[in-house]
Each structure stands twice: as C-alpha cells, then as structure tokens.
Amino acid sequence: MLFPTHLAAAYVLGRRWDLSVPLLVAGAVLPDIVDKPAAMAGFVDLYQSAGHSLLLIVVGFAVVFVRRAWTPVWIGWASHPLLDAFHMLLNGRPNDLLFLAWPIIEHTPAVDLPPLEFFLQYLWTPSFYAEFVVWGLLVYLVVDGEVTDVTAET
C-alpha cells in the first residue's frame, strides 16, 4: 500500500473502533519510519525489514498486554504490515510475504524498485484500486461525522 493509504486506514480504524486516531496514525507510520531510513542508509537491504516484521508485532503485543494505553499504537503498527501483505497477495506476489518473517528469513522482493519507479509500476494494479476502497471509507466517515456533528448541534 502507498504510505498515505496507511494513514487513511489508521483513521478509518480509529473511527470504527472509537480509538485515538492520532495514536493509530503514529503506529501506522512506525514501520516505514524504522525501515525506510535504515534501507536508505544501507543498514539493511530491504525497505521492509524490522518495522514490518511479525516479530516486532508480537513484541508489541506483549507491551500492549502490560500497557493497555499503547493499544492504538500497536493496532496502527500491526495494520501497516498486514495491509502491505494484503497488497502483495492481491497483486499476485505471495512469495513476497516472506518480509513478515524478517530476520529469520531474508528475501529479495519480486518488485525491487526505487520509490518513483515502484509507484509508476504500481499504478493500475489490483491493489491500486483496492486503495480507493480505503479512501472511500475515509471520505464516508469524515462526511458522516460532519453530518452527525451538525445534527447533534440542532
């Protein structure tokens, strides 16, 4: 999924489950904040490594089990790699789901392109159209919220 769609999905989850939207959005950006700079600096070879790993999702769940206030951050974080996995499945790349097993399994993704080239090849894929669903839900929730707020004031 494209980065802005992760933010939109976090907003949708927050509104749906009545959780802190800012904390969900913060959690949703964490995988890319961890992994993208690490890859650009040459610390890892993949743009999806530690931050996108099921290992960190499990560790995060243990933290949430002790500190319930961190639940929205964890849900936002967990949603990010799960949405990325969904996008890979939808685009017919099930072997790329191995990114979830980092650091146990390191793999070379089928699509290993710099950001601009990735975006250009991503246009018009099934996953690209699926992102419209997320954005449609976001628009619906924003408009529905405004309508609800206006009717509550009268």
Foldseek 3Di string as FASTA:
>chain_A
DDLVLLLLLLQLVCLVVVHDSVLLSLLQCVQQVPQVVCCVVPVDVDSQADLLAVVVLVVVVVVCVVVVNNVSSSNSSPVNNVLVCVLCVQQPQNVVNCSRHPPVDDDDGPDDDPPVVVVVVPPPGRSNVVSVVSVVSSVVSVVVVVVVVVVVVD
